[in-house]
């Protein structure tokens, strides 16, 4: 059933990208979302504030679209900004800041008509300026500016000459001079944006909805300063259905309905409070949507309450530091740790839900036909998953013996390792279970470092860790969204992994037009990740959540979006 869901998503994505021209009007947007089975049940009425909901979110320490990297930031982003296109509550591509678009016959050149009447508003809801094609050109040029150190800068390298431009600005040895006017995006006039691609991109429209490609109003950005932009609601402008009014870093963000948004007449929700509060706050009427553990789901079901399920395509794993600064530079040690981890035990003891031991790194991303990409990988591996659900103690010990020799150690006591994770009950318990597995199987004494999200993020970006608990969700429906994370120069490569063969295969995939041949390249990349282990995949997330009876319909949780609450309807 879950695989069929991914097949349907793939079909929708393909219908979208095959549109060589078209438009999407407000009347065409599917605003139905989910219908709440608990409306009127009488158990959990939700928050008391009229026209508002409170939604659980994780940490959010960055709201500058150039610098964002995490799911909560992107979920909030789609509520406060419009990219060229958006996704509705059924994952259909619809108009955003662009009201129509058309492409050349070969799909290499595109023209987008920016809707006239789009407005930039500040944190007080006041109109500051018009949304134009120039705002996209400026934002994308800043994404390619190396001084900003954008982790997602590579999202702008789809445009012709963009990578060469970035390399030149970065001072790469031998890089030829490339100017911005040579890069494949330009404003023909205030409301016409032209783009030219470096390589054919079958999922371009899905790609362009991603929030790091959000426009930015240049006069305000320069007035605030690049170093301050996005550090508070007052240092941002908004062109989406909501705008930010309050922000307590790492705890809560408040977003308010924007009456100047082009489709505001269909938005009835007045306020969304994004809060780092969970289950017990929900039980107490302080939250309207919360994530659930397996035990919490069972407790609600026992009371006749119906939780909802969310399959978001997330892979959770350990980043491992492959640099000389860590003992994990030893491939044999990485293999020993991987073989010693009992994934099913982690799922059964920590999560107690439908999380699944991973068959591959990429979760459920669609293949070129009916099978998902993960199923294609399994088939290529002789019908077996790349990663075992259970530990293999004997193999783990063999790898450890080889690792000790490789590192020049006499026994396991000389190995220095720590697991870095962010604060949170499940994160901490997860790390402790793995710590005990490695102690019992390999005799390794592994420390656990529990950090605030801000500390965790800084250490991860600086590659100051041995093993780090993290995860990744798909930005668009293609295996590239997962596999390009490990390009040696990639902004989201936190492991230090650098394999020229891996980089070459990624480049080959970018240039390959035949979908079957392209898919086979991705399979090779999956096998290479398994062999080199810059990451250790642990589980695929199947998440349960609860919605209070205050919500009637129109809300959605789904792949490529996280939350979509734009068209949420509340009880009278």
Protein backbone atom coordinates (compact mmCIF):
# COMPACT_ATOMS: atom_id res chain seq x y z
CA UNK A 1 0.00 0.00 0.00
CA UNK A 2 2.77 2.42 0.92
CA UNK A 3 4.69 1.62 -2.26
CA UNK A 4 1.57 2.26 -4.33
CA UNK A 5 1.38 5.70 -2.77
CA UNK A 6 4.85 6.45 -4.09
CA UNK A 7 3.91 5.18 -7.54
CA UNK A 8 0.96 7.59 -7.59
CA UNK A 9 3.27 10.44 -6.55
CA UNK A 10 5.62 9.57 -9.37
CA UNK A 11 2.77 9.61 -11.85
CA UNK A 12 1.69 13.04 -10.65
CA UNK A 13 5.24 14.36 -10.88
CA UNK A 14 5.61 13.07 -14.40
CA UNK A 15 2.36 14.68 -15.52
CA UNK A 16 3.62 17.96 -14.12
CA UNK A 17 7.04 17.93 -15.72
CA UNK A 18 5.64 16.91 -19.08
CA UNK A 19 3.67 20.20 -19.21
CA UNK A 20 5.73 22.19 -21.68
CA UNK A 21 3.37 25.10 -21.31
CA UNK A 22 0.43 25.96 -19.19
CA UNK A 23 -0.98 27.97 -16.36
CA UNK A 24 -2.53 27.28 -13.02
CA UNK A 25 -5.25 29.54 -11.64
CA UNK A 26 -6.65 29.82 -8.16
CA UNK A 27 -9.74 27.89 -9.13
CA UNK A 28 -7.62 24.91 -10.15
CA UNK A 29 -5.93 24.43 -6.78
CA UNK A 30 -7.01 21.39 -4.79
CA UNK A 31 -7.68 22.78 -1.32
CA UNK A 32 -9.38 19.71 0.10
CA UNK A 33 -6.48 18.16 1.97
CA UNK A 34 -7.36 15.68 4.69
CA UNK A 35 -10.72 15.36 6.41
CA UNK A 36 -10.36 14.96 10.17
CA UNK A 37 -11.97 11.71 11.42
CA UNK A 38 -11.98 13.15 14.95
CA UNK A 39 -13.96 16.32 14.26
CA UNK A 40 -16.71 16.54 16.88
CA UNK A 41 -15.44 13.52 18.81
CA UNK A 42 -15.23 15.42 22.08
CA UNK A 43 -11.90 14.14 23.42
CA UNK A 44 -9.28 16.68 22.38
CA UNK A 45 -10.89 19.98 21.35
CA UNK A 46 -7.59 21.69 20.61
CA UNK A 47 -6.51 25.24 21.36
CA UNK A 48 -9.00 27.92 22.35
CA UNK A 49 -7.72 30.81 20.20
CA UNK A 50 -10.26 31.53 17.46
CA UNK A 51 -9.08 31.17 13.88
CA UNK A 52 -5.68 29.85 15.00
CA UNK A 53 -3.92 26.52 15.40
CA UNK A 54 -0.76 25.42 17.18
CA UNK A 55 1.38 22.87 15.37
CA UNK A 56 4.32 20.87 16.64
CA UNK A 57 7.55 21.55 14.87
CA UNK A 58 11.14 20.74 15.57
CA UNK A 59 13.84 23.33 15.86
CA UNK A 60 14.13 26.34 13.58
CA UNK A 61 17.25 28.42 14.00
CA UNK A 62 17.55 29.79 10.44
CA UNK A 63 14.83 31.44 8.33
CA UNK A 64 17.01 32.97 5.62
CA UNK A 65 15.98 31.02 2.47
CA UNK A 66 19.57 31.10 1.22
CA UNK A 67 20.81 29.30 4.34
CA UNK A 68 17.93 26.96 5.27
CA UNK A 69 18.57 23.21 5.32
CA UNK A 70 16.00 21.55 7.59
CA UNK A 71 12.44 20.30 7.23
CA UNK A 72 10.75 22.61 9.73
CA UNK A 73 12.30 25.62 8.06
CA UNK A 74 11.00 24.45 4.68
CA UNK A 75 7.53 23.68 6.07
CA UNK A 76 7.22 27.21 7.44
CA UNK A 77 8.73 28.63 4.25
CA UNK A 78 6.00 27.35 1.96
CA UNK A 79 3.50 29.24 4.14
CA UNK A 80 5.32 32.61 4.03
CA UNK A 81 6.90 32.62 0.55
CA UNK A 82 5.88 31.79 -2.99
CA UNK A 83 8.39 30.28 -5.38
CA UNK A 84 7.57 30.26 -9.10
CA UNK A 85 5.30 27.27 -8.51
CA UNK A 86 3.79 25.59 -5.44
CA UNK A 87 2.34 22.24 -4.42
CA UNK A 88 -1.28 22.01 -3.33
CA UNK A 89 -2.71 19.64 -0.72
CA UNK A 90 -2.53 16.71 -3.17
CA UNK A 91 1.08 17.35 -4.27
CA UNK A 92 -0.12 18.79 -7.59
CA UNK A 93 2.00 21.56 -9.04
CA UNK A 94 0.10 24.85 -9.27
CA UNK A 95 0.94 28.47 -9.89
CA UNK A 96 2.84 30.41 -7.27
CA UNK A 97 4.57 33.69 -8.02
CA UNK A 98 4.39 32.70 -11.70
CA UNK A 99 0.94 32.55 -13.23
CA UNK A 100 2.03 30.70 -16.38
CA UNK A 101 5.04 29.19 -18.10
CA UNK A 102 6.20 27.71 -21.38
CA UNK A 103 9.27 25.90 -22.63
CA UNK A 104 11.21 25.27 -25.81
CA UNK A 105 10.59 21.99 -27.59
CA UNK A 106 13.74 20.42 -26.14
CA UNK A 107 12.90 21.58 -22.59
CA UNK A 108 16.16 23.52 -22.21
CA UNK A 109 14.73 27.06 -22.20
CA UNK A 110 11.77 28.22 -20.14
CA UNK A 111 9.83 31.46 -19.84
CA UNK A 112 7.81 32.27 -16.72
CA UNK A 113 5.19 35.00 -16.53
CA UNK A 114 5.35 36.53 -13.04
CA UNK A 115 1.87 37.45 -11.83
CA UNK A 116 1.29 41.17 -11.63
CA UNK A 117 -0.08 42.35 -8.31
CA UNK A 118 2.18 40.14 -6.16
CA UNK A 119 3.31 42.07 -3.07
CA UNK A 120 6.11 42.00 -0.53
CA UNK A 121 4.92 42.62 3.03
CA UNK A 122 6.87 43.10 6.26
CA UNK A 123 6.32 41.59 9.72
CA UNK A 124 3.57 44.15 10.38
CA UNK A 125 1.71 43.12 7.21
CA UNK A 126 2.54 46.40 5.45
CA UNK A 127 3.19 46.38 1.68
CA UNK A 128 6.82 47.24 0.92
CA UNK A 129 7.11 46.52 -2.81
CA UNK A 130 6.05 44.50 -5.85
CA UNK A 131 7.18 40.95 -6.60
CA UNK A 132 9.00 40.95 -9.95
CA UNK A 133 11.26 38.76 -12.07
CA UNK A 134 14.23 40.75 -10.75
CA UNK A 135 13.61 39.27 -7.26
CA UNK A 136 14.29 35.77 -8.56
CA UNK A 137 17.43 36.83 -10.41
CA UNK A 138 18.78 38.49 -7.29
CA UNK A 139 17.93 35.60 -4.96
CA UNK A 140 19.52 33.02 -7.22
CA UNK A 141 22.63 35.14 -7.68
CA UNK A 142 22.97 35.30 -3.88
CA UNK A 143 22.52 31.53 -3.66
CA UNK A 144 25.53 31.28 -6.01
CA UNK A 145 27.57 33.80 -4.01
CA UNK A 146 30.26 31.78 -2.18
CA UNK A 147 30.50 34.36 0.61
CA UNK A 148 27.03 33.29 1.77
CA UNK A 149 28.20 29.66 2.20
CA UNK A 150 24.78 28.33 1.18
CA UNK A 151 24.54 24.57 1.76
CA UNK A 152 22.03 24.35 -1.08
CA UNK A 153 24.00 26.50 -3.55
CA UNK A 154 24.05 23.52 -5.92
CA UNK A 155 20.31 23.91 -6.44
CA UNK A 156 21.15 26.94 -8.60
CA UNK A 157 23.74 25.06 -10.65
CA UNK A 158 20.98 23.65 -12.88
CA UNK A 159 21.18 26.93 -14.82
CA UNK A 160 23.58 27.27 -17.73
CA UNK A 161 27.09 28.35 -16.67
CA UNK A 162 26.04 28.58 -13.00
CA UNK A 163 28.60 26.07 -11.73
CA UNK A 164 31.35 27.76 -13.76
CA UNK A 165 30.27 31.11 -12.30
CA UNK A 166 30.35 29.71 -8.77
CA UNK A 167 33.79 28.16 -9.33
CA UNK A 168 35.14 31.45 -10.66
CA UNK A 169 33.81 33.41 -7.67
CA UNK A 170 35.18 30.73 -5.33
CA UNK A 171 38.68 31.12 -6.74
CA UNK A 172 38.89 27.54 -8.00
CA UNK A 173 42.27 27.03 -9.64
CA UNK A 174 42.00 27.20 -13.43
CA UNK A 175 38.42 28.47 -13.41
CA UNK A 176 37.70 30.80 -16.31
CA UNK A 177 36.00 34.14 -15.75
CA UNK A 178 32.21 33.92 -15.95
CA UNK A 179 29.97 36.90 -15.27
CA UNK A 180 26.43 36.87 -13.91
CA UNK A 181 24.95 37.94 -17.24
CA UNK A 182 26.33 34.69 -18.70
CA UNK A 183 24.38 32.54 -16.20
CA UNK A 184 21.12 31.01 -17.45
CA UNK A 185 18.54 33.24 -15.76
CA UNK A 186 17.53 36.80 -16.56
CA UNK A 187 14.66 39.24 -16.18
CA UNK A 188 13.44 40.20 -19.66
CA UNK A 189 11.21 42.79 -18.00
CA UNK A 190 9.55 43.21 -14.60
CA UNK A 191 7.19 40.30 -15.14
CA UNK A 192 9.04 37.98 -17.53
CA UNK A 193 11.71 35.56 -16.30
CA UNK A 194 13.76 33.47 -18.71
CA UNK A 195 15.88 30.49 -17.69
CA UNK A 196 18.25 28.25 -19.65
CA UNK A 197 19.38 24.90 -18.25
CA UNK A 198 22.85 23.37 -18.16
CA UNK A 199 21.39 19.90 -18.71
CA UNK A 200 17.90 18.62 -19.44
CA UNK A 201 15.98 18.30 -16.17
CA UNK A 202 12.86 16.09 -16.35
CA UNK A 203 11.59 17.27 -12.95
CA UNK A 204 12.29 21.00 -13.40
CA UNK A 205 8.94 22.29 -12.17
CA UNK A 206 9.10 20.13 -9.04
CA UNK A 207 12.60 21.45 -8.53
CA UNK A 208 11.54 25.09 -8.83
CA UNK A 209 8.99 24.79 -6.03
CA UNK A 210 11.75 24.12 -3.51
CA UNK A 211 12.02 26.93 -0.98
CA UNK A 212 15.74 27.70 -1.37
CA UNK A 213 14.73 29.13 -4.78
CA UNK A 214 12.46 31.69 -3.08
CA UNK A 215 12.70 35.25 -4.50
CA UNK A 216 14.28 38.04 -2.41
CA UNK A 217 13.53 41.77 -2.61
CA UNK A 218 16.97 43.30 -3.22
CA UNK A 219 16.45 46.82 -1.75
CA UNK A 220 15.31 45.39 1.60
CA UNK A 221 18.03 42.71 1.65
CA UNK A 222 20.74 45.30 1.11
CA UNK A 223 19.20 47.64 3.69
CA UNK A 224 19.14 44.91 6.36
CA UNK A 225 22.50 43.42 5.36
CA UNK A 226 23.29 39.84 4.35
CA UNK A 227 24.57 38.96 7.83
CA UNK A 228 21.27 40.05 9.48
CA UNK A 229 18.78 38.91 6.86
CA UNK A 230 16.44 36.24 8.25
CA UNK A 231 17.52 36.56 11.90
CA UNK A 232 14.11 37.85 13.05
CA UNK A 233 10.63 38.46 11.60
CA UNK A 234 11.56 42.13 11.14
CA UNK A 235 14.56 41.28 8.94
CA UNK A 236 12.49 39.36 6.38
CA UNK A 237 9.87 40.18 3.77
CA UNK A 238 7.08 37.82 2.72
CA UNK A 239 5.16 37.16 -0.52
CA UNK A 240 3.20 34.07 0.55
CA UNK A 241 -0.16 33.29 2.19
CA UNK A 242 1.17 34.14 5.69
CA UNK A 243 3.83 36.37 7.21
CA UNK A 244 5.91 36.01 10.38
CA UNK A 245 5.18 38.23 13.37
CA UNK A 246 7.01 36.58 16.29
CA UNK A 247 9.95 34.22 16.69
CA UNK A 248 11.53 32.77 19.80
CA UNK A 249 14.54 30.84 18.35
CA UNK A 250 14.38 27.09 18.86
CA UNK A 251 10.92 27.33 20.44
CA UNK A 252 8.15 29.05 18.45
CA UNK A 253 7.32 31.02 15.30
CA UNK A 254 4.00 32.79 14.71
CA UNK A 255 2.65 33.27 11.20
CA UNK A 256 -0.40 35.42 10.38
CA UNK A 257 -2.70 35.40 7.33
CA UNK A 258 -1.51 37.76 4.58
CA UNK A 259 -4.50 39.59 3.04
CA UNK A 260 -2.26 40.80 0.21
CA UNK A 261 -1.51 37.31 -1.09
CA UNK A 262 -2.95 36.64 -4.52
CA UNK A 263 -5.26 33.81 -3.32
CA UNK A 264 -5.99 35.20 0.17
CA UNK A 265 -9.76 34.95 -0.35
CA UNK A 266 -9.49 31.16 -0.10
CA UNK A 267 -7.41 31.22 3.12
CA UNK A 268 -9.64 31.11 6.21
CA UNK A 269 -7.02 30.29 8.86
CA UNK A 270 -5.93 33.51 10.62
CA UNK A 271 -2.84 32.31 12.46
CA UNK A 272 -0.46 29.35 12.75
CA UNK A 273 1.67 28.96 15.86
CA UNK A 274 4.64 26.68 15.16
CA UNK A 275 5.66 25.43 18.59
CA UNK A 276 8.21 23.01 20.00
CA UNK A 277 5.61 21.29 22.21
CA UNK A 278 4.40 17.72 21.97
CA UNK A 279 2.01 15.02 23.09
CA UNK A 280 1.13 16.10 26.61
CA UNK A 281 0.48 19.64 25.44
CA UNK A 282 -1.95 18.16 22.93
CA UNK A 283 -3.74 16.23 25.67
CA UNK A 284 -3.99 19.45 27.66
CA UNK A 285 -5.55 21.46 24.83
CA UNK A 286 -2.39 23.46 24.04
CA UNK A 287 -1.70 21.94 20.61
CA UNK A 288 -3.70 21.04 17.52
CA UNK A 289 -1.27 18.82 15.57
CA UNK A 290 1.47 16.69 17.15
CA UNK A 291 3.66 13.78 16.13
CA UNK A 292 3.13 10.50 17.98
CA UNK A 293 5.32 7.68 19.17
CA UNK A 294 4.02 4.14 18.73
CA UNK A 295 2.97 4.02 22.39
CA UNK A 296 1.14 7.35 22.14
CA UNK A 297 -0.68 6.21 19.01
CA UNK A 298 -1.83 3.06 20.79
CA UNK A 299 -3.02 5.07 23.82
CA UNK A 300 -5.13 7.38 21.63
CA UNK A 301 -6.57 4.48 19.66
CA UNK A 302 -7.59 2.79 22.90
CA UNK A 303 -9.75 5.86 23.63
CA UNK A 304 -11.47 5.71 20.22
CA UNK A 305 -9.34 8.49 18.72
CA UNK A 306 -8.07 8.00 15.14
CA UNK A 307 -4.45 9.10 14.51
CA UNK A 308 -3.29 9.90 11.00
CA UNK A 309 -0.28 8.41 9.20
CA UNK A 310 2.41 10.26 7.28
CA UNK A 311 4.89 8.61 4.92
CA UNK A 312 7.34 11.35 4.10
CA UNK A 313 10.17 9.51 2.40
CA UNK A 314 12.66 10.21 5.17
CA UNK A 315 15.82 8.19 5.60
CA UNK A 316 17.41 8.33 9.05
CA UNK A 317 21.03 7.40 9.40
CA UNK A 318 24.39 8.07 10.97
CA UNK A 319 26.70 10.51 9.27
CA UNK A 320 30.23 9.25 9.84
CA UNK A 321 33.31 11.44 9.69
CA UNK A 322 35.67 10.06 7.04
CA UNK A 323 38.37 12.70 7.65
CA UNK A 324 41.71 12.06 9.33
CA UNK A 325 40.42 13.74 12.50
CA UNK A 326 38.29 10.73 13.42
CA UNK A 327 38.87 7.00 13.91
CA UNK A 328 35.87 6.55 11.60
CA UNK A 329 38.26 7.32 8.75
CA UNK A 330 38.85 3.57 8.82
CA UNK A 331 36.50 1.91 6.35
CA UNK A 332 36.77 -1.33 8.31
CA UNK A 333 35.67 0.45 11.49
CA UNK A 334 32.69 1.91 9.64
CA UNK A 335 31.81 -1.57 8.42
CA UNK A 336 32.20 -2.98 11.93
CA UNK A 337 29.84 -0.38 13.39
CA UNK A 338 27.31 -0.91 10.59
CA UNK A 339 27.30 -4.70 11.06
CA UNK A 340 26.96 -4.35 14.85
CA UNK A 341 23.80 -2.22 14.75
CA UNK A 342 20.54 -4.12 15.13
CA UNK A 343 18.09 -1.88 13.30
CA UNK A 344 15.01 -3.91 14.13
CA UNK A 345 15.81 -3.79 17.83
CA UNK A 346 16.05 0.01 17.60
CA UNK A 347 12.66 0.21 15.89
CA UNK A 348 11.04 -2.18 18.38
CA UNK A 349 12.47 -0.64 21.55
CA UNK A 350 12.68 3.08 20.72
CA UNK A 351 10.01 3.90 18.17
CA UNK A 352 7.49 1.06 18.53
CA UNK A 353 5.80 1.99 15.26
CA UNK A 354 5.90 1.14 11.55
CA UNK A 355 9.43 2.45 10.90
CA UNK A 356 11.25 0.04 8.60
CA UNK A 357 14.83 -1.11 8.37
CA UNK A 358 16.10 0.38 5.07
CA UNK A 359 16.43 -1.68 1.92
CA UNK A 360 18.56 1.12 0.42
CA UNK A 361 19.49 4.67 1.32
CA UNK A 362 16.88 6.33 -0.91
CA UNK A 363 13.40 5.84 0.47
CA UNK A 364 10.66 4.98 -1.96
CA UNK A 365 11.70 7.43 -4.68
CA UNK A 366 10.00 6.32 -7.86
CA UNK A 367 11.61 4.37 -10.62
CA UNK A 368 10.91 4.76 -14.30
CA UNK A 369 8.04 2.28 -14.23
CA UNK A 370 5.84 0.76 -11.53
CA UNK A 371 8.56 -0.24 -9.05
CA UNK A 372 9.90 2.36 -6.67
CA UNK A 373 13.59 3.10 -6.95
CA UNK A 374 14.23 1.26 -3.70
CA UNK A 375 12.63 -1.84 -5.19
CA UNK A 376 14.87 -1.50 -8.25
CA UNK A 377 17.93 -1.40 -5.96
CA UNK A 378 16.81 -4.54 -4.13
CA UNK A 379 16.26 -6.35 -7.42
CA UNK A 380 19.76 -5.36 -8.57
CA UNK A 381 21.10 -6.80 -5.31
CA UNK A 382 19.70 -10.25 -6.03
CA UNK A 383 16.43 -9.61 -4.23
CA UNK A 384 18.12 -8.73 -0.93
CA UNK A 385 18.15 -5.37 0.82
CA UNK A 386 21.47 -3.53 0.89
CA UNK A 387 21.22 -3.15 4.66
CA UNK A 388 20.24 -5.92 7.06
CA UNK A 389 17.52 -5.39 9.66
CA UNK A 390 19.53 -7.37 12.20
CA UNK A 391 23.10 -7.24 13.43
CA UNK A 392 25.78 -9.63 12.20
CA UNK A 393 28.09 -9.96 15.26
CA UNK A 394 30.63 -12.29 13.64
CA UNK A 395 31.11 -10.09 10.61
CA UNK A 396 31.27 -7.02 12.85
CA UNK A 397 34.09 -8.58 14.88
CA UNK A 398 36.02 -9.49 11.72
CA UNK A 399 35.80 -5.90 10.49
CA UNK A 400 36.84 -4.58 13.90
CA UNK A 401 39.97 -6.77 13.91
CA UNK A 402 40.92 -5.38 10.51
CA UNK A 403 40.17 -1.83 11.70
CA UNK A 404 42.42 -2.17 14.76
CA UNK A 405 45.28 -3.25 12.53
CA UNK A 406 44.51 -0.44 10.11
CA UNK A 407 44.52 2.17 12.89
CA UNK A 408 47.54 0.72 14.67
CA UNK A 409 45.63 -0.12 17.86
CA UNK A 410 46.23 -3.19 20.04
CA UNK A 411 42.63 -3.57 21.23
CA UNK A 412 39.17 -1.98 21.15
CA UNK A 413 39.82 0.16 24.24
CA UNK A 414 42.05 2.43 22.16
CA UNK A 415 39.24 3.33 19.76
CA UNK A 416 37.87 6.81 20.51
CA UNK A 417 34.30 7.36 19.32
CA UNK A 418 31.32 9.47 20.26
CA UNK A 419 27.75 9.69 18.97
CA UNK A 420 26.52 13.26 18.52
CA UNK A 421 22.79 13.92 18.69
CA UNK A 422 20.41 16.79 19.44
CA UNK A 423 18.25 17.01 22.54
CA UNK A 424 15.04 15.01 22.52
CA UNK A 425 13.76 11.94 24.33
CA UNK A 426 13.81 9.62 21.33
CA UNK A 427 17.15 10.94 20.03
CA UNK A 428 18.77 10.31 23.41
CA UNK A 429 17.24 6.85 23.84
CA UNK A 430 18.17 5.94 20.25
CA UNK A 431 21.80 6.87 20.90
CA UNK A 432 21.91 4.93 24.18
CA UNK A 433 20.58 1.75 22.53
CA UNK A 434 23.23 2.00 19.80
CA UNK A 435 25.87 2.70 22.45
CA UNK A 436 24.92 -0.53 24.23
CA UNK A 437 24.83 -2.54 20.98
CA UNK A 438 28.38 -1.45 20.15
CA UNK A 439 29.54 -2.24 23.69
CA UNK A 440 28.04 -5.72 23.75
CA UNK A 441 29.01 -6.75 20.22
CA UNK A 442 32.40 -5.08 19.77
CA UNK A 443 33.53 -4.04 23.24
CA UNK A 444 33.63 -0.40 22.11
CA UNK A 445 33.10 2.28 24.74
CA UNK A 446 31.31 5.03 22.86
CA UNK A 447 30.48 8.41 24.38
CA UNK A 448 27.21 10.25 23.71
CA UNK A 449 27.13 14.01 23.15
CA UNK A 450 23.68 15.58 23.55
CA UNK A 451 23.60 19.12 22.16
CA UNK A 452 21.09 21.88 21.52
CA UNK A 453 20.01 22.02 17.90
CA UNK A 454 22.10 25.13 17.31
CA UNK A 455 25.20 23.47 18.79
CA UNK A 456 24.49 20.25 16.88
CA UNK A 457 24.08 22.12 13.62
CA UNK A 458 27.33 24.06 14.06
CA UNK A 459 29.34 20.96 14.90
CA UNK A 460 27.84 19.05 11.96
CA UNK A 461 28.68 21.83 9.52
CA UNK A 462 32.23 22.02 10.90
CA UNK A 463 32.61 18.20 10.65
CA UNK A 464 33.53 18.06 14.33
CA UNK A 465 32.09 14.66 15.20
CA UNK A 466 32.70 10.93 14.82
CA UNK A 467 29.16 9.63 14.39
CA UNK A 468 26.16 11.95 14.08
CA UNK A 469 22.47 11.00 14.19
CA UNK A 470 20.51 12.72 11.40
CA UNK A 471 18.13 12.25 8.52
CA UNK A 472 17.09 13.47 5.09
CA UNK A 473 13.77 13.85 3.34
CA UNK A 474 13.25 14.22 -0.42
CA UNK A 475 13.12 17.71 -1.89
CA UNK A 476 11.65 16.39 -5.14
CA UNK A 477 10.64 13.05 -6.63
CA UNK A 478 13.91 11.76 -8.06
CA UNK A 479 16.80 9.69 -6.61
CA UNK A 480 19.13 12.63 -7.24
CA UNK A 481 17.57 14.41 -4.24
CA UNK A 482 19.25 11.85 -1.97
CA UNK A 483 22.32 10.79 -3.88
CA UNK A 484 23.82 14.19 -4.66
CA UNK A 485 24.31 14.75 -0.91
CA UNK A 486 27.62 12.93 -1.12
CA UNK A 487 29.22 14.80 -3.98
CA UNK A 488 32.68 15.79 -2.77
CA UNK A 489 31.97 19.51 -3.21
CA UNK A 490 28.32 19.35 -2.13
CA UNK A 491 27.11 21.85 0.43
CA UNK A 492 25.25 19.15 2.38
CA UNK A 493 28.10 16.64 2.39
CA UNK A 494 28.90 16.65 6.12
CA UNK A 495 31.06 13.53 6.10
CA UNK A 496 34.19 14.59 4.23
CA UNK A 497 33.52 11.80 1.73
CA UNK A 498 35.31 12.46 -1.55
CA UNK A 499 35.23 9.83 -4.27
CA UNK A 500 36.03 10.97 -7.83
CA UNK A 501 34.22 7.95 -9.26
CA UNK A 502 31.08 8.85 -7.31
CA UNK A 503 31.28 12.45 -8.56
CA UNK A 504 31.73 11.27 -12.14
CA UNK A 505 28.66 9.05 -11.94
CA UNK A 506 26.60 11.94 -10.59
CA UNK A 507 27.69 14.08 -13.53
CA UNK A 508 26.79 11.24 -15.90
CA UNK A 509 23.31 11.02 -14.35
CA UNK A 510 22.81 14.77 -14.80
CA UNK A 511 23.54 14.49 -18.51
CA UNK A 512 21.75 11.20 -19.20
CA UNK A 513 18.42 11.69 -21.00
CA UNK A 514 17.35 8.04 -21.20
CA UNK A 515 15.40 7.32 -17.96
CA UNK A 516 16.35 3.63 -17.79
CA UNK A 517 20.07 4.31 -18.24
CA UNK A 518 19.84 7.13 -15.72
CA UNK A 519 18.20 4.87 -13.17
CA UNK A 520 20.98 2.31 -13.55
CA UNK A 521 23.55 5.00 -12.76
CA UNK A 522 21.64 5.75 -9.56
CA UNK A 523 21.72 2.05 -8.67
CA UNK A 524 25.51 2.09 -9.04
CA UNK A 525 25.65 5.09 -6.71
CA UNK A 526 23.57 3.26 -4.08
CA UNK A 527 25.98 0.32 -4.22
CA UNK A 528 28.94 2.67 -3.89
CA UNK A 529 27.45 4.25 -0.75
CA UNK A 530 27.02 0.78 0.71
CA UNK A 531 30.65 -0.10 -0.05
CA UNK A 532 32.20 3.16 1.18
CA UNK A 533 29.76 3.88 4.06
CA UNK A 534 30.00 7.66 4.46
CA UNK A 535 26.62 7.10 6.08
CA UNK A 536 25.06 4.18 7.93
CA UNK A 537 21.33 4.03 7.09
CA UNK A 538 19.27 3.01 10.13
CA UNK A 539 15.54 3.27 9.33
CA UNK A 540 12.89 4.66 7.02
CA UNK A 541 10.40 6.81 8.90
CA UNK A 542 6.69 6.06 8.99
CA UNK A 543 5.25 8.77 11.18
CA UNK A 544 1.93 8.93 13.04
CA UNK A 545 0.37 12.21 14.13
CA UNK A 546 -2.80 13.49 15.77
CA UNK A 547 -5.06 16.40 14.80
CA UNK A 548 -7.44 17.95 17.35
CA UNK A 549 -11.15 18.01 16.60
CA UNK A 550 -10.81 21.77 15.97
CA UNK A 551 -9.45 20.95 12.49
CA UNK A 552 -12.14 19.91 10.03
CA UNK A 553 -10.33 19.61 6.68
CA UNK A 554 -7.79 21.09 4.28
CA UNK A 555 -4.60 20.23 6.13
CA UNK A 556 -1.96 17.92 4.72
CA UNK A 557 1.27 16.16 5.59
CA UNK A 558 3.06 14.59 2.66
CA UNK A 559 6.34 14.07 0.83
CA UNK A 560 8.11 17.14 -0.58
CA UNK A 561 6.18 19.50 1.73
CA UNK A 562 6.06 18.39 5.34
CA UNK A 563 3.05 20.43 6.48
CA UNK A 564 0.67 22.22 4.14
CA UNK A 565 -1.84 24.14 6.28
CA UNK A 566 -2.62 26.99 3.89
CA UNK A 567 -6.21 25.91 3.25
CA UNK A 568 -7.01 24.37 6.65
CA UNK A 569 -10.66 24.66 7.65
CA UNK A 570 -11.63 24.90 11.34
CA UNK A 571 -14.81 24.04 13.18
CA UNK A 572 -17.29 26.90 13.56
